Amino acid sequence: MRLEKAEIFLKHGVDNNDFSNVLEVLCSVCRAKVLILSGEMTKALLREGPVSRPFDDISYLGMHIESLDDDIVPAMVSLLRGMPNLKTLYIKSDPSLFIHKPEACGFNKEFWKSQNLAFIGQLKEATMELSNGNNELELARYMLEDAKNLREMQLLASFSNAPMASI
């Protein structure tokens, strides 16, 4: 018997020293099929360094983040590199969490393409909530052009305080 689903959420604003073994925790669930992470968890992974452990069994990755801003993209790329069998990607943005608007425009489609992410050939479904900046749009554009097995993509956009709308 093995773990089917793991959800790891770190509380925003907790002392960074409390999570010095974030990578160890993540590696302990590497055989799960479904992995859901918070943005704080992803940022903590960035502080730990590149994720070198493969997550071959993960077919669904959910990320609950404030925004796909420039400081979270490298950690996300590092994580995605180890998920060659990823079939579903869900990125939930919560712009209401913004205290300030971080920079979110430094990674274009060519950047994503240059990463040679193995999962792109396996990806079947993607859902992204667009929030701030162009990084989400550029990732979506990359997936639409390069994910040959992509069957469904949902892009959800929020305009000011209006409810989310599917585009």
C-alpha atoms as a PDB file:
ATOM      1  CA  MET A   1       0.000   0.000   0.000  1.00  0.00           C
ATOM      2  CA  ARG A   2       1.283   3.481  -0.779  1.00  0.00           C
ATOM      3  CA  LEU A   3       0.267   7.065  -0.310  1.00  0.00           C
ATOM      4  CA  GLU A   4      -2.156   8.285  -2.972  1.00  0.00           C
ATOM      5  CA  LYS A   5      -2.390  11.990  -2.106  1.00  0.00           C
ATOM      6  CA  ALA A   6      -0.215  14.395  -0.118  1.00  0.00           C
ATOM      7  CA  GLU A   7      -1.092  18.009   0.706  1.00  0.00           C
ATOM      8  CA  ILE A   8       1.667  20.118   2.247  1.00  0.00           C
ATOM      9  CA  PHE A   9       0.872  23.657   3.312  1.00  0.00           C
ATOM     10  CA  LEU A  10       3.211  25.909   5.265  1.00  0.00           C
ATOM     11  CA  LYS A  11       1.762  28.790   7.175  1.00  0.00           C
ATOM     12  CA  HIS A  12       2.584  32.247   5.776  1.00  0.00           C
ATOM     13  CA  GLY A  13       4.953  34.247   7.958  1.00  0.00           C
ATOM     14  CA  VAL A  14       6.259  31.375  10.088  1.00  0.00           C
ATOM     15  CA  ASP A  15       9.955  31.545  10.985  1.00  0.00           C
ATOM     16  CA  ASN A  16      12.008  30.067   8.124  1.00  0.00           C
ATOM     17  CA  ASN A  17      14.177  28.109  10.546  1.00  0.00           C
ATOM     18  CA  ASP A  18      11.196  25.932  11.427  1.00  0.00           C
ATOM     19  CA  PHE A  19      11.249  24.462   7.930  1.00  0.00           C
ATOM     20  CA  SER A  20      14.911  23.662   7.348  1.00  0.00           C
ATOM     21  CA  ASN A  21      13.989  20.113   6.361  1.00  0.00           C
ATOM     22  CA  VAL A  22      11.332  20.983   3.768  1.00  0.00           C
ATOM     23  CA  LEU A  23      13.048  18.957   1.055  1.00  0.00           C
ATOM     24  CA  GLU A  24      13.208  15.960   3.379  1.00  0.00           C
ATOM     25  CA  VAL A  25       9.464  16.215   4.017  1.00  0.00           C
ATOM     26  CA  LEU A  26       8.762  16.489   0.302  1.00  0.00           C
ATOM     27  CA  CYS A  27      10.988  13.517  -0.493  1.00  0.00           C
ATOM     28  CA  SER A  28       9.099  11.429   2.056  1.00  0.00           C
ATOM     29  CA  VAL A  29       5.978  11.691  -0.131  1.00  0.00           C
ATOM     30  CA  CYS A  30       7.708  11.312  -3.506  1.00  0.00           C
ATOM     31  CA  ARG A  31       5.803   8.100  -4.299  1.00  0.00           C
ATOM     32  CA  ALA A  32       2.385   9.755  -4.016  1.00  0.00           C
ATOM     33  CA  LYS A  33       0.312  10.108  -7.171  1.00  0.00           C
ATOM     34  CA  VAL A  34      -1.199  13.458  -6.195  1.00  0.00           C
ATOM     35  CA  LEU A  35       0.820  16.292  -4.648  1.00  0.00           C
ATOM     36  CA  ILE A  36      -0.660  19.613  -3.547  1.00  0.00           C
ATOM     37  CA  LEU A  37       1.654  22.358  -2.284  1.00  0.00           C
ATOM     38  CA  SER A  38       1.261  25.865  -0.960  1.00  0.00           C
ATOM     39  CA  GLY A  39       3.252  28.789  -2.307  1.00  0.00           C
ATOM     40  CA  GLU A  40       5.089  28.996   1.016  1.00  0.00           C
ATOM     41  CA  MET A  41       6.158  25.367   0.568  1.00  0.00           C
ATOM     42  CA  THR A  42       7.420  26.121  -2.936  1.00  0.00           C
ATOM     43  CA  LYS A  43       9.354  29.172  -1.715  1.00  0.00           C
ATOM     44  CA  ALA A  44      10.824  27.093   1.119  1.00  0.00           C
ATOM     45  CA  LEU A  45      12.007  24.586  -1.496  1.00  0.00           C
ATOM     46  CA  LEU A  46      13.736  27.431  -3.328  1.00  0.00           C
ATOM     47  CA  ARG A  47      15.639  28.304  -0.150  1.00  0.00           C
ATOM     48  CA  GLU A  48      16.661  24.642   0.184  1.00  0.00           C
ATOM     49  CA  GLY A  49      18.155  24.594  -3.313  1.00  0.00           C
ATOM     50  CA  PRO A  50      17.365  22.582  -6.458  1.00  0.00           C
ATOM     51  CA  VAL A  51      15.085  19.572  -6.077  1.00  0.00           C
ATOM     52  CA  SER A  52      17.149  16.685  -7.392  1.00  0.00           C
ATOM     53  CA  ARG A  53      14.942  13.801  -6.265  1.00  0.00           C
ATOM     54  CA  PRO A  54      12.715  12.375  -8.998  1.00  0.00           C
ATOM     55  CA  PHE A  55       8.979  12.305  -8.410  1.00  0.00           C
ATOM     56  CA  ASP A  56       8.211   9.769 -11.131  1.00  0.00           C
ATOM     57  CA  ASP A  57       4.885   8.631  -9.653  1.00  0.00           C
ATOM     58  CA  ILE A  58       3.283  12.057  -9.383  1.00  0.00           C
ATOM     59  CA  SER A  59       0.639  12.500 -12.057  1.00  0.00           C
ATOM     60  CA  TYR A  60      -1.201  15.475 -10.485  1.00  0.00           C
ATOM     61  CA  LEU A  61       0.437  18.602  -9.089  1.00  0.00           C
ATOM     62  CA  GLY A  62      -1.619  21.313  -7.457  1.00  0.00           C
ATOM     63  CA  MET A  63      -0.006  24.541  -6.334  1.00  0.00           C
ATOM     64  CA  HIS A  64      -1.836  27.101  -4.210  1.00  0.00           C
ATOM     65  CA  ILE A  65       0.156  30.297  -4.597  1.00  0.00           C
ATOM     66  CA  GLU A  66      -0.321  34.039  -4.322  1.00  0.00           C
ATOM     67  CA  SER A  67       0.945  34.572  -7.849  1.00  0.00           C
ATOM     68  CA  LEU A  68       3.413  32.990 -10.243  1.00  0.00           C
ATOM     69  CA  ASP A  69       5.843  35.774  -9.451  1.00  0.00           C
ATOM     70  CA  ASP A  70       9.499  35.859 -10.405  1.00  0.00           C
ATOM     71  CA  ASP A  71      10.762  34.517  -7.082  1.00  0.00           C
ATOM     72  CA  ILE A  72       8.651  31.337  -7.239  1.00  0.00           C
ATOM     73  CA  VAL A  73       9.306  30.342 -10.891  1.00  0.00           C
ATOM     74  CA  PRO A  74      12.810  28.841 -10.307  1.00  0.00           C
ATOM     75  CA  ALA A  75      11.502  26.614  -7.503  1.00  0.00           C
ATOM     76  CA  MET A  76       8.569  25.561  -9.652  1.00  0.00           C
ATOM     77  CA  VAL A  77      10.869  24.680 -12.566  1.00  0.00           C
ATOM     78  CA  SER A  78      13.114  22.673 -10.245  1.00  0.00           C
ATOM     79  CA  LEU A  79      10.116  20.748  -8.958  1.00  0.00           C
ATOM     80  CA  LEU A  80       8.619  20.167 -12.419  1.00  0.00           C
ATOM     81  CA  ARG A  81      11.929  18.790 -13.710  1.00  0.00           C
ATOM     82  CA  GLY A  82      11.505  15.822 -11.392  1.00  0.00           C
ATOM     83  CA  MET A  83       7.956  15.008 -12.548  1.00  0.00           C
ATOM     84  CA  PRO A  84       8.265  13.381 -15.981  1.00  0.00           C
ATOM     85  CA  ASN A  85       4.869  11.650 -15.691  1.00  0.00           C
ATOM     86  CA  LEU A  86       2.828  14.686 -14.689  1.00  0.00           C
ATOM     87  CA  LYS A  87      -0.526  14.584 -16.457  1.00  0.00           C
ATOM     88  CA  THR A  88      -2.488  17.281 -14.613  1.00  0.00           C
ATOM     89  CA  LEU A  89      -1.229  20.665 -13.441  1.00  0.00           C
ATOM     90  CA  TYR A  90      -3.413  22.948 -11.341  1.00  0.00           C
ATOM     91  CA  ILE A  91      -2.133  26.367 -10.310  1.00  0.00           C
ATOM     92  CA  LYS A  92      -4.473  28.248  -7.996  1.00  0.00           C
ATOM     93  CA  SER A  93      -3.599  31.897  -7.498  1.00  0.00           C
ATOM     94  CA  ASP A  94      -5.075  33.968  -4.721  1.00  0.00           C
ATOM     95  CA  PRO A  95      -4.504  37.634  -5.518  1.00  0.00           C
ATOM     96  CA  SER A  96      -6.285  38.570  -2.286  1.00  0.00           C
ATOM     97  CA  LEU A  97      -3.160  37.407  -0.469  1.00  0.00           C
ATOM     98  CA  PHE A  98      -1.100  40.241  -1.991  1.00  0.00           C
ATOM     99  CA  ILE A  99       0.333  42.720   0.437  1.00  0.00           C
ATOM    100  CA  HIS A 100       2.266  44.272  -2.435  1.00  0.00           C
ATOM    101  CA  LYS A 101       2.376  43.335  -6.096  1.00  0.00           C
ATOM    102  CA  PRO A 102       5.502  41.268  -6.718  1.00  0.00           C
ATOM    103  CA  GLU A 103       7.300  41.287 -10.048  1.00  0.00           C
ATOM    104  CA  ALA A 104       5.697  38.645 -12.241  1.00  0.00           C
ATOM    105  CA  CYS A 105       6.889  39.208 -15.776  1.00  0.00           C
ATOM    106  CA  GLY A 106      10.463  37.941 -16.082  1.00  0.00           C
ATOM    107  CA  PHE A 107       9.841  34.493 -17.590  1.00  0.00           C
ATOM    108  CA  ASN A 108       8.598  34.295 -21.171  1.00  0.00           C
ATOM    109  CA  LYS A 109       7.574  31.327 -23.324  1.00  0.00           C
ATOM    110  CA  GLU A 110      11.137  30.899 -24.585  1.00  0.00           C
ATOM    111  CA  PHE A 111      12.350  30.557 -20.994  1.00  0.00           C
ATOM    112  CA  TRP A 112       9.848  27.758 -20.326  1.00  0.00           C
ATOM    113  CA  LYS A 113      10.754  26.059 -23.602  1.00  0.00           C
ATOM    114  CA  SER A 114      14.488  26.235 -22.769  1.00  0.00           C
ATOM    115  CA  GLN A 115      13.913  24.286 -19.549  1.00  0.00           C
ATOM    116  CA  ASN A 116      13.224  21.058 -21.492  1.00  0.00           C
ATOM    117  CA  LEU A 117      10.644  19.909 -18.967  1.00  0.00           C
ATOM    118  CA  ALA A 118       9.950  16.206 -19.545  1.00  0.00           C
ATOM    119  CA  PHE A 119       6.371  16.383 -18.270  1.00  0.00           C
ATOM    120  CA  ILE A 120       5.278  18.552 -21.200  1.00  0.00           C
ATOM    121  CA  GLY A 121       4.939  15.485 -23.439  1.00  0.00           C
ATOM    122  CA  GLN A 122       2.686  13.758 -20.887  1.00  0.00           C
ATOM    123  CA  LEU A 123       0.529  16.708 -19.818  1.00  0.00           C
ATOM    124  CA  LYS A 124      -3.180  16.170 -20.539  1.00  0.00           C
ATOM    125  CA  GLU A 125      -4.931  18.787 -18.405  1.00  0.00           C
ATOM    126  CA  ALA A 126      -3.972  22.174 -17.017  1.00  0.00           C
ATOM    127  CA  THR A 127      -5.898  24.733 -15.010  1.00  0.00           C
ATOM    128  CA  MET A 128      -4.398  28.090 -14.147  1.00  0.00           C
ATOM    129  CA  GLU A 129      -5.865  31.003 -12.278  1.00  0.00           C
ATOM    130  CA  LEU A 130      -4.314  34.138 -13.707  1.00  0.00           C
ATOM    131  CA  SER A 131      -3.536  36.873 -11.238  1.00  0.00           C
ATOM    132  CA  ASN A 132      -0.642  39.294 -11.570  1.00  0.00           C
ATOM    133  CA  GLY A 133       1.849  39.735 -14.378  1.00  0.00           C
ATOM    134  CA  ASN A 134       2.650  37.701 -17.456  1.00  0.00           C
ATOM    135  CA  ASN A 135       4.345  34.596 -16.053  1.00  0.00           C
ATOM    136  CA  GLU A 136       1.088  32.608 -15.941  1.00  0.00           C
ATOM    137  CA  LEU A 137       0.201  33.622 -19.501  1.00  0.00           C
ATOM    138  CA  GLU A 138       3.659  32.720 -20.783  1.00  0.00           C
ATOM    139  CA  LEU A 139       3.520  29.312 -19.077  1.00  0.00           C
ATOM    140  CA  ALA A 140       0.050  28.747 -20.563  1.00  0.00           C
ATOM    141  CA  ARG A 141       1.286  29.750 -24.020  1.00  0.00           C
ATOM    142  CA  TYR A 142       4.208  27.315 -23.698  1.00  0.00           C
ATOM    143  CA  MET A 143       1.882  24.479 -22.667  1.00  0.00           C
ATOM    144  CA  LEU A 144      -0.594  25.217 -25.475  1.00  0.00           C
ATOM    145  CA  GLU A 145       2.161  25.134 -28.094  1.00  0.00           C
ATOM    146  CA  ASP A 146       4.339  22.302 -26.783  1.00  0.00           C
ATOM    147  CA  ALA A 147       2.110  19.899 -24.821  1.00  0.00           C
ATOM    148  CA  LYS A 148       1.117  17.620 -27.699  1.00  0.00           C
ATOM    149  CA  ASN A 149      -1.176  15.455 -25.518  1.00  0.00           C
ATOM    150  CA  LEU A 150      -2.943  18.396 -23.871  1.00  0.00           C
ATOM    151  CA  ARG A 151      -6.705  17.757 -24.040  1.00  0.00           C
ATOM    152  CA  GLU A 152      -7.987  20.537 -21.815  1.00  0.00           C
ATOM    153  CA  MET A 153      -6.711  23.858 -20.563  1.00  0.00           C
ATOM    154  CA  GLN A 154      -8.677  26.191 -18.357  1.00  0.00           C
ATOM    155  CA  LEU A 155      -7.495  29.723 -17.800  1.00  0.00           C
ATOM    156  CA  LEU A 156      -9.376  31.562 -15.093  1.00  0.00           C
ATOM    157  CA  ALA A 157      -9.010  35.312 -14.804  1.00  0.00           C
ATOM    158  CA  SER A 158     -10.042  37.704 -12.086  1.00  0.00           C
ATOM    159  CA  PHE A 159     -10.512  41.331 -12.999  1.00  0.00           C
ATOM    160  CA  SER A 160     -10.192  43.633  -9.971  1.00  0.00           C
ATOM    161  CA  ASN A 161     -12.681  42.371  -7.396  1.00  0.00           C
ATOM    162  CA  ALA A 162     -14.921  40.576  -9.883  1.00  0.00           C
ATOM    163  CA  PRO A 163     -15.500  36.838  -9.482  1.00  0.00           C
ATOM    164  CA  MET A 164     -13.338  34.389 -11.414  1.00  0.00           C
ATOM    165  CA  ALA A 165     -14.352  33.933 -15.044  1.00  0.00           C
ATOM    166  CA  SER A 166     -13.329  31.162 -17.408  1.00  0.00           C
ATOM    167  CA  ILE A 167     -11.599  32.297 -20.613  1.00  0.00           C
END
